[in-house]
Each structure stands twice: as structure tokens, then as C-alpha cells.
PDB file of N, CA and C in Angstrom:
ATOM      1  N   UNK A   1      94.199  93.025 136.463  1.00  0.00           N
ATOM      2  CA  UNK A   1      95.034  93.286 135.299  1.00  0.00           C
ATOM      3  C   UNK A   1      94.542  92.437 134.150  1.00  0.00           C
ATOM      4  N   UNK A   2      94.371  93.038 133.024  1.00  0.00           N
ATOM      5  CA  UNK A   2      93.867  92.352 131.841  1.00  0.00           C
ATOM      6  C   UNK A   2      94.993  91.631 131.125  1.00  0.00           C
ATOM      7  N   UNK A   3      94.688  90.459 130.586  1.00  0.00           N
ATOM      8  CA  UNK A   3      95.692  89.709 129.831  1.00  0.00           C
ATOM      9  C   UNK A   3      95.478  89.854 128.331  1.00  0.00           C
ATOM     10  N   UNK A   4      94.663  90.821 127.908  1.00  0.00           N
ATOM     11  CA  UNK A   4      94.424  91.031 126.484  1.00  0.00           C
ATOM     12  C   UNK A   4      95.673  91.572 125.809  1.00  0.00           C
ATOM     13  N   UNK A   5      96.036  91.026 124.632  1.00  0.00           N
ATOM     14  CA  UNK A   5      97.203  91.550 123.924  1.00  0.00           C
ATOM     15  C   UNK A   5      96.898  92.911 123.315  1.00  0.00           C
ATOM     16  N   UNK A   6      97.928  93.646 122.998  1.00  0.00           N
ATOM     17  CA  UNK A   6      97.758  94.931 122.334  1.00  0.00           C
ATOM     18  C   UNK A   6      98.221  96.069 123.217  1.00  0.00           C
ATOM     19  N   UNK A   7      98.245  97.266 122.650  1.00  0.00           N
ATOM     20  CA  UNK A   7      98.734  98.411 123.416  1.00  0.00           C
ATOM     21  C   UNK A   7      97.769  98.810 124.518  1.00  0.00           C
ATOM     22  N   UNK A   8      98.307  99.371 125.585  1.00  0.00           N
ATOM     23  CA  UNK A   8      97.441  99.860 126.646  1.00  0.00           C
ATOM     24  C   UNK A   8      96.908 101.226 126.244  1.00  0.00           C
ATOM     25  N   UNK A   9      95.709 101.524 126.656  1.00  0.00           N
ATOM     26  CA  UNK A   9      95.086 102.798 126.326  1.00  0.00           C
ATOM     27  C   UNK A   9      94.576 103.448 127.598  1.00  0.00           C
ATOM     28  N   UNK A  10      94.494 104.763 127.556  1.00  0.00           N
ATOM     29  CA  UNK A  10      94.007 105.477 128.731  1.00  0.00           C
ATOM     30  C   UNK A  10      92.561 105.912 128.565  1.00  0.00           C
ATOM     31  N   UNK A  11      91.995 105.706 127.374  1.00  0.00           N
ATOM     32  CA  UNK A  11      90.603 106.089 127.156  1.00  0.00           C
ATOM     33  C   UNK A  11      89.713 104.863 127.232  1.00  0.00           C
ATOM     34  N   UNK A  12      88.431 105.091 127.356  1.00  0.00           N
ATOM     35  CA  UNK A  12      87.465 104.011 127.477  1.00  0.00           C
ATOM     36  C   UNK A  12      86.980 103.601 126.090  1.00  0.00           C
ATOM     37  N   UNK A  13      86.941 102.310 125.819  1.00  0.00           N
ATOM     38  CA  UNK A  13      86.391 101.812 124.568  1.00  0.00           C
ATOM     39  C   UNK A  13      84.959 101.385 124.804  1.00  0.00           C
ATOM     40  N   UNK A  14      84.098 101.649 123.846  1.00  0.00           N
ATOM     41  CA  UNK A  14      82.697 101.298 123.963  1.00  0.00           C
ATOM     42  C   UNK A  14      82.274 100.533 122.725  1.00  0.00           C
ATOM     43  N   UNK A  15      81.555  99.441 122.918  1.00  0.00           N
ATOM     44  CA  UNK A  15      80.971  98.716 121.798  1.00  0.00           C
ATOM     45  C   UNK A  15      79.642  99.367 121.501  1.00  0.00           C
ATOM     46  N   UNK A  16      79.479  99.841 120.259  1.00  0.00           N
ATOM     47  CA  UNK A  16      78.263 100.557 119.899  1.00  0.00           C
ATOM     48  C   UNK A  16      77.155  99.575 119.552  1.00  0.00           C
ATOM     49  N   UNK A  17      76.019  99.710 120.207  1.00  0.00           N
ATOM     50  CA  UNK A  17      74.872  98.883 119.902  1.00  0.00           C
ATOM     51  C   UNK A  17      74.046  99.488 118.781  1.00  0.00           C
ATOM     52  N   UNK A  18      73.300  98.678 118.079  1.00  0.00           N
ATOM     53  CA  UNK A  18      72.486  99.159 116.973  1.00  0.00           C
ATOM     54  C   UNK A  18      71.151  99.726 117.446  1.00  0.00           C
ATOM     55  N   UNK A  19      70.749  99.438 118.671  1.00  0.00           N
ATOM     56  CA  UNK A  19      69.433  99.849 119.129  1.00  0.00           C
ATOM     57  C   UNK A  19      69.361 101.253 119.706  1.00  0.00           C
ATOM     58  N   UNK A  20      70.500 101.836 120.063  1.00  0.00           N
ATOM     59  CA  UNK A  20      70.488 103.141 120.712  1.00  0.00           C
ATOM     60  C   UNK A  20      71.212 104.169 119.856  1.00  0.00           C
ATOM     61  N   UNK A  21      70.725 105.424 119.819  1.00  0.00           N
ATOM     62  CA  UNK A  21      71.458 106.456 119.089  1.00  0.00           C
ATOM     63  C   UNK A  21      72.765 106.790 119.803  1.00  0.00           C
ATOM     64  N   UNK A  22      73.803 107.065 119.028  1.00  0.00           N
ATOM     65  CA  UNK A  22      75.118 107.374 119.567  1.00  0.00           C
ATOM     66  C   UNK A  22      75.533 108.755 119.062  1.00  0.00           C
ATOM     67  N   UNK A  23      76.090 109.572 119.915  1.00  0.00           N
ATOM     68  CA  UNK A  23      76.625 110.870 119.522  1.00  0.00           C
ATOM     69  C   UNK A  23      78.134 110.826 119.637  1.00  0.00           C
ATOM     70  N   UNK A  24      78.808 111.151 118.545  1.00  0.00           N
ATOM     71  CA  UNK A  24      80.265 111.278 118.561  1.00  0.00           C
ATOM     72  C   UNK A  24      80.589 112.757 118.494  1.00  0.00           C
ATOM     73  N   UNK A  25      81.401 113.227 119.403  1.00  0.00           N
ATOM     74  CA  UNK A  25      81.750 114.639 119.400  1.00  0.00           C
ATOM     75  C   UNK A  25      80.549 115.494 119.700  1.00  0.00           C
ATOM     76  N   UNK A  26      80.223 115.650 120.956  1.00  0.00           N
ATOM     77  CA  UNK A  26      79.014 116.377 121.365  1.00  0.00           C
ATOM     78  C   UNK A  26      79.065 117.865 121.047  1.00  0.00           C
ATOM     79  N   UNK A  27      80.259 118.393 120.734  1.00  0.00           N
ATOM     80  CA  UNK A  27      80.374 119.808 120.366  1.00  0.00           C
ATOM     81  C   UNK A  27      81.402 119.936 119.243  1.00  0.00           C
ATOM     82  N   UNK A  28      81.476 121.120 118.638  1.00  0.00           N
ATOM     83  CA  UNK A  28      82.429 121.340 117.542  1.00  0.00           C
ATOM     84  C   UNK A  28      83.871 121.292 118.017  1.00  0.00           C
ATOM     85  N   UNK A  29      84.097 121.436 119.317  1.00  0.00           N
ATOM     86  CA  UNK A  29      85.460 121.401 119.841  1.00  0.00           C
ATOM     87  C   UNK A  29      85.830 120.054 120.449  1.00  0.00           C
ATOM     88  N   UNK A  30      84.887 119.118 120.475  1.00  0.00           N
ATOM     89  CA  UNK A  30      85.182 117.780 120.984  1.00  0.00           C
ATOM     90  C   UNK A  30      86.070 117.052 119.988  1.00  0.00           C
ATOM     91  N   UNK A  31      87.053 116.320 120.479  1.00  0.00           N
ATOM     92  CA  UNK A  31      87.975 115.610 119.604  1.00  0.00           C
ATOM     93  C   UNK A  31      87.469 114.199 119.344  1.00  0.00           C
ATOM     94  N   UNK A  32      87.604 113.766 118.057  1.00  0.00           N
ATOM     95  CA  UNK A  32      87.146 112.451 117.626  1.00  0.00           C
ATOM     96  C   UNK A  32      88.221 111.850 116.719  1.00  0.00           C
ATOM     97  N   UNK A  33      88.382 110.538 116.773  1.00  0.00           N
ATOM     98  CA  UNK A  33      89.289 109.863 115.852  1.00  0.00           C
ATOM     99  C   UNK A  33      88.848 108.416 115.668  1.00  0.00           C
ATOM    100  N   UNK A  34      89.395 107.798 114.640  1.00  0.00           N
ATOM    101  CA  UNK A  34      89.108 106.400 114.343  1.00  0.00           C
ATOM    102  C   UNK A  34      90.420 105.681 114.033  1.00  0.00           C
ATOM    103  N   UNK A  35      90.439 104.385 114.261  1.00  0.00           N
ATOM    104  CA  UNK A  35      91.564 103.526 113.887  1.00  0.00           C
ATOM    105  C   UNK A  35      92.890 103.990 114.466  1.00  0.00           C
ATOM    106  N   UNK A  36      92.888 104.505 115.672  1.00  0.00           N
ATOM    107  CA  UNK A  36      94.126 104.856 116.348  1.00  0.00           C
ATOM    108  C   UNK A  36      94.779 106.142 115.888  1.00  0.00           C
ATOM    109  N   UNK A  37      94.114 106.923 115.045  1.00  0.00           N
ATOM    110  CA  UNK A  37      94.697 108.196 114.623  1.00  0.00           C
ATOM    111  C   UNK A  37      94.569 109.219 115.750  1.00  0.00           C
ATOM    112  N   UNK A  38      95.321 110.310 115.638  1.00  0.00           N
ATOM    113  CA  UNK A  38      95.262 111.363 116.652  1.00  0.00           C
ATOM    114  C   UNK A  38      93.895 112.040 116.622  1.00  0.00           C
ATOM    115  N   UNK A  39      93.237 112.216 117.764  1.00  0.00           N
ATOM    116  CA  UNK A  39      91.931 112.880 117.800  1.00  0.00           C
ATOM    117  C   UNK A  39      92.016 114.319 117.291  1.00  0.00           C
ATOM    118  N   UNK A  40      90.995 114.738 116.553  1.00  0.00           N
ATOM    119  CA  UNK A  40      90.936 116.085 115.983  1.00  0.00           C
ATOM    120  C   UNK A  40      89.566 116.696 116.263  1.00  0.00           C
ATOM    121  N   UNK A  41      89.507 118.026 116.235  1.00  0.00           N
ATOM    122  CA  UNK A  41      88.230 118.721 116.366  1.00  0.00           C
ATOM    123  C   UNK A  41      87.568 118.818 114.997  1.00  0.00           C
ATOM    124  N   UNK A  42      86.323 119.222 114.987  1.00  0.00           N
ATOM    125  CA  UNK A  42      85.561 119.349 113.747  1.00  0.00           C
ATOM    126  C   UNK A  42      86.206 120.371 112.821  1.00  0.00           C
ATOM    127  N   UNK A  43      86.345 120.002 111.547  1.00  0.00           N
ATOM    128  CA  UNK A  43      86.903 120.923 110.552  1.00  0.00           C
ATOM    129  C   UNK A  43      85.880 122.006 110.237  1.00  0.00           C
ATOM    130  N   UNK A  44      86.367 123.164 109.854  1.00  0.00           N
ATOM    131  CA  UNK A  44      85.502 124.259 109.434  1.00  0.00           C
ATOM    132  C   UNK A  44      86.106 124.876 108.175  1.00  0.00           C
ATOM    133  N   UNK A  45      85.363 124.837 107.085  1.00  0.00           N
ATOM    134  CA  UNK A  45      85.829 125.413 105.822  1.00  0.00           C
ATOM    135  C   UNK A  45      84.652 126.073 105.129  1.00  0.00           C
ATOM    136  N   UNK A  46      84.931 127.074 104.332  1.00  0.00           N
ATOM    137  CA  UNK A  46      83.869 127.797 103.640  1.00  0.00           C
ATOM    138  C   UNK A  46      83.071 126.892 102.707  1.00  0.00           C
ATOM    139  N   UNK A  47      83.721 125.901 102.105  1.00  0.00           N
ATOM    140  CA  UNK A  47      83.026 125.008 101.158  1.00  0.00           C
ATOM    141  C   UNK A  47      81.926 124.217 101.864  1.00  0.00           C
ATOM    142  N   UNK A  48      82.064 123.996 103.174  1.00  0.00           N
ATOM    143  CA  UNK A  48      81.042 123.254 103.903  1.00  0.00           C
ATOM    144  C   UNK A  48      79.744 124.040 104.020  1.00  0.00           C
ATOM    145  N   UNK A  49      79.828 125.359 104.029  1.00  0.00           N
ATOM    146  CA  UNK A  49      78.640 126.185 104.188  1.00  0.00           C
ATOM    147  C   UNK A  49      77.984 126.529 102.859  1.00  0.00           C
ATOM    148  N   UNK A  50      78.715 126.365 101.766  1.00  0.00           N
ATOM    149  CA  UNK A  50      78.193 126.746 100.454  1.00  0.00           C
ATOM    150  C   UNK A  50      77.517 125.558  99.780  1.00  0.00           C
ATOM    151  N   UNK A  51      76.495 125.838  99.000  1.00  0.00           N
ATOM    152  CA  UNK A  51      75.874 124.799  98.191  1.00  0.00           C
ATOM    153  C   UNK A  51      76.741 124.558  96.973  1.00  0.00           C
ATOM    154  N   UNK A  52      77.175 123.338  96.764  1.00  0.00           N
ATOM    155  CA  UNK A  52      78.107 123.011  95.689  1.00  0.00           C
ATOM    156  C   UNK A  52      77.464 123.170  94.313  1.00  0.00           C
ATOM    157  N   UNK A  53      76.176 122.922  94.184  1.00  0.00           N
ATOM    158  CA  UNK A  53      75.537 122.947  92.867  1.00  0.00           C
ATOM    159  C   UNK A  53      74.663 124.176  92.649  1.00  0.00           C
ATOM    160  N   UNK A  54      74.838 125.214  93.437  1.00  0.00           N
ATOM    161  CA  UNK A  54      73.985 126.381  93.292  1.00  0.00           C
ATOM    162  C   UNK A  54      74.547 127.424  92.334  1.00  0.00           C
ATOM    163  N   UNK A  55      75.679 127.151  91.722  1.00  0.00           N
ATOM    164  CA  UNK A  55      76.302 128.115  90.818  1.00  0.00           C
ATOM    165  C   UNK A  55      75.805 127.898  89.403  1.00  0.00           C
ATOM    166  N   UNK A  56      76.040 128.874  88.525  1.00  0.00           N
ATOM    167  CA  UNK A  56      75.398 128.851  87.220  1.00  0.00           C
ATOM    168  C   UNK A  56      76.227 128.255  86.093  1.00  0.00           C
ATOM    169  N   UNK A  57      77.537 128.348  86.118  1.00  0.00           N
ATOM    170  CA  UNK A  57      78.321 127.846  84.987  1.00  0.00           C
ATOM    171  C   UNK A  57      78.917 126.481  85.282  1.00  0.00           C
ATOM    172  N   UNK A  58      79.141 125.709  84.234  1.00  0.00           N
ATOM    173  CA  UNK A  58      79.724 124.374  84.387  1.00  0.00           C
ATOM    174  C   UNK A  58      81.135 124.439  84.949  1.00  0.00           C
ATOM    175  N   UNK A  59      81.898 125.447  84.556  1.00  0.00           N
ATOM    176  CA  UNK A  59      83.270 125.578  85.057  1.00  0.00           C
ATOM    177  C   UNK A  59      83.254 125.806  86.564  1.00  0.00           C
ATOM    178  N   UNK A  60      82.358 126.660  87.021  1.00  0.00           N
ATOM    179  CA  UNK A  60      82.264 126.944  88.446  1.00  0.00           C
ATOM    180  C   UNK A  60      81.763 125.726  89.209  1.00  0.00           C
ATOM    181  N   UNK A  61      80.830 124.992  88.629  1.00  0.00           N
ATOM    182  CA  UNK A  61      80.345 123.764  89.266  1.00  0.00           C
ATOM    183  C   UNK A  61      81.480 122.767  89.406  1.00  0.00           C
ATOM    184  N   UNK A  62      82.274 122.587  88.353  1.00  0.00           N
ATOM    185  CA  UNK A  62      83.395 121.646  88.405  1.00  0.00           C
ATOM    186  C   UNK A  62      84.400 122.061  89.480  1.00  0.00           C
ATOM    187  N   UNK A  63      84.712 123.350  89.557  1.00  0.00           N
ATOM    188  CA  UNK A  63      85.650 123.825  90.571  1.00  0.00           C
ATOM    189  C   UNK A  63      85.079 123.637  91.975  1.00  0.00           C
ATOM    190  N   UNK A  64      83.786 123.898  92.136  1.00  0.00           N
ATOM    191  CA  UNK A  64      83.147 123.722  93.446  1.00  0.00           C
ATOM    192  C   UNK A  64      83.120 122.257  93.855  1.00  0.00           C
ATOM    193  N   UNK A  65      82.822 121.376  92.915  1.00  0.00           N
ATOM    194  CA  UNK A  65      82.817 119.942  93.222  1.00  0.00           C
ATOM    195  C   UNK A  65      84.215 119.457  93.584  1.00  0.00           C
ATOM    196  N   UNK A  66      85.215 119.947  92.877  1.00  0.00           N
ATOM    197  CA  UNK A  66      86.593 119.581  93.192  1.00  0.00           C
ATOM    198  C   UNK A  66      86.957 120.033  94.601  1.00  0.00           C
ATOM    199  N   UNK A  67      86.610 121.267  94.944  1.00  0.00           N
ATOM    200  CA  UNK A  67      86.887 121.782  96.290  1.00  0.00           C
ATOM    201  C   UNK A  67      86.151 120.958  97.341  1.00  0.00           C
ATOM    202  N   UNK A  68      84.923 120.577  97.044  1.00  0.00           N
ATOM    203  CA  UNK A  68      84.134 119.769  97.982  1.00  0.00           C
ATOM    204  C   UNK A  68      84.771 118.395  98.181  1.00  0.00           C
ATOM    205  N   UNK A  69      85.198 117.768  97.089  1.00  0.00           N
ATOM    206  CA  UNK A  69      85.836 116.446  97.174  1.00  0.00           C
ATOM    207  C   UNK A  69      87.124 116.528  97.992  1.00  0.00           C
ATOM    208  N   UNK A  70      87.909 117.572  97.778  1.00  0.00           N
ATOM    209  CA  UNK A  70      89.147 117.750  98.552  1.00  0.00           C
ATOM    210  C   UNK A  70      88.827 117.916 100.027  1.00  0.00           C
ATOM    211  N   UNK A  71      87.796 118.687 100.359  1.00  0.00           N
ATOM    212  CA  UNK A  71      87.424 118.891 101.763  1.00  0.00           C
ATOM    213  C   UNK A  71      86.941 117.596 102.407  1.00  0.00           C
ATOM    214  N   UNK A  72      86.123 116.825 101.700  1.00  0.00           N
ATOM    215  CA  UNK A  72      85.653 115.543 102.240  1.00  0.00           C
ATOM    216  C   UNK A  72      86.835 114.603 102.462  1.00  0.00           C
ATOM    217  N   UNK A  73      87.742 114.549 101.497  1.00  0.00           N
ATOM    218  CA  UNK A  73      88.934 113.702 101.625  1.00  0.00           C
ATOM    219  C   UNK A  73      89.775 114.132 102.821  1.00  0.00           C
ATOM    220  N   UNK A  74      89.997 115.427 102.988  1.00  0.00           N
ATOM    221  CA  UNK A  74      90.778 115.924 104.125  1.00  0.00           C
ATOM    222  C   UNK A  74      90.101 115.609 105.453  1.00  0.00           C
ATOM    223  N   UNK A  75      88.782 115.705 105.492  1.00  0.00           N
ATOM    224  CA  UNK A  75      88.038 115.371 106.711  1.00  0.00           C
ATOM    225  C   UNK A  75      88.194 113.895 107.057  1.00  0.00           C
ATOM    226  N   UNK A  76      88.006 113.022 106.069  1.00  0.00           N
ATOM    227  CA  UNK A  76      88.142 111.582 106.306  1.00  0.00           C
ATOM    228  C   UNK A  76      89.567 111.213 106.695  1.00  0.00           C
ATOM    229  N   UNK A  77      90.560 111.846 106.062  1.00  0.00           N
ATOM    230  CA  UNK A  77      91.961 111.610 106.434  1.00  0.00           C
ATOM    231  C   UNK A  77      92.219 112.042 107.866  1.00  0.00           C
ATOM    232  N   UNK A  78      91.731 113.228 108.233  1.00  0.00           N
ATOM    233  CA  UNK A  78      91.955 113.750 109.578  1.00  0.00           C
ATOM    234  C   UNK A  78      91.365 112.872 110.663  1.00  0.00           C
ATOM    235  N   UNK A  79      90.213 112.296 110.387  1.00  0.00           N
ATOM    236  CA  UNK A  79      89.557 111.418 111.363  1.00  0.00           C
ATOM    237  C   UNK A  79      90.182 110.022 111.409  1.00  0.00           C
ATOM    238  N   UNK A  80      90.957 109.676 110.389  1.00  0.00           N
ATOM    239  CA  UNK A  80      91.556 108.352 110.321  1.00  0.00           C
ATOM    240  C   UNK A  80      90.672 107.340 109.630  1.00  0.00           C
ATOM    241  N   UNK A  81      89.573 107.783 109.025  1.00  0.00           N
ATOM    242  CA  UNK A  81      88.654 106.870 108.342  1.00  0.00           C
ATOM    243  C   UNK A  81      89.194 106.463 106.981  1.00  0.00           C
ATOM    244  N   UNK A  82      89.857 107.396 106.294  1.00  0.00           N
ATOM    245  CA  UNK A  82      90.418 107.130 104.980  1.00  0.00           C
ATOM    246  C   UNK A  82      91.920 107.314 105.098  1.00  0.00           C
ATOM    247  N   UNK A  83      92.668 106.277 104.778  1.00  0.00           N
ATOM    248  CA  UNK A  83      94.116 106.350 104.877  1.00  0.00           C
ATOM    249  C   UNK A  83      94.635 107.202 103.728  1.00  0.00           C
ATOM    250  N   UNK A  84      95.271 108.322 104.049  1.00  0.00           N
ATOM    251  CA  UNK A  84      95.717 109.265 103.032  1.00  0.00           C
ATOM    252  C   UNK A  84      97.082 108.985 102.463  1.00  0.00           C
ATOM    253  N   UNK A  85      97.809 108.038 103.008  1.00  0.00           N
ATOM    254  CA  UNK A  85      99.153 107.736 102.514  1.00  0.00           C
ATOM    255  C   UNK A  85      99.355 106.222 102.494  1.00  0.00           C
ATOM    256  N   UNK A  86     100.364 105.812 101.760  1.00  0.00           N
ATOM    257  CA  UNK A  86     100.654 104.372 101.639  1.00  0.00           C
ATOM    258  C   UNK A  86     101.183 103.797 102.927  1.00  0.00           C
TER     259      UNK A  86
END
């Protein structure tokens, strides 16, 4: 029995070394999380497949960049990397 303080967990924790490549989420359906957030599968959105700067007008570029920023923010929030609320 471990005497380490903190909550008990049922998953295995691994210390990542710098010398070896690490794969997180070996498939699109594998669940991943950080900082104790609920594990989630890989997000899929149309903006991820489109080139953000391949459009011709400045208005469309601005809208595409905004959509891209929202998608990146939602991805980071979902993984628990970026805290989305106070």
C-alpha cells in the first residue's frame, strides 16, 4: 500500500522520458486527457481539414482564422490543457 498523498487512481501513470518517442492516443477513438480532466476522443471538425489561408478575400480569411482559433481553443479545453473557465 502506498503512503503517497492524493486521490487514488485506477489508471497507470508514466513519467515521459526525453530520449524515447511517445504516442498519445494511438487511434482517433483512443481517449486522452491532461490535468485530471475527463478523457476525450479526437475532435473532428471541417475546419481541421481546410486550409485556413487558401481563400481569396480578407473577410473570408478573417472568418476562417476565427473559426480555426475557436476550434483550437475547444480542442485544448476538451483535453484539459487550457482551462476554459474561471
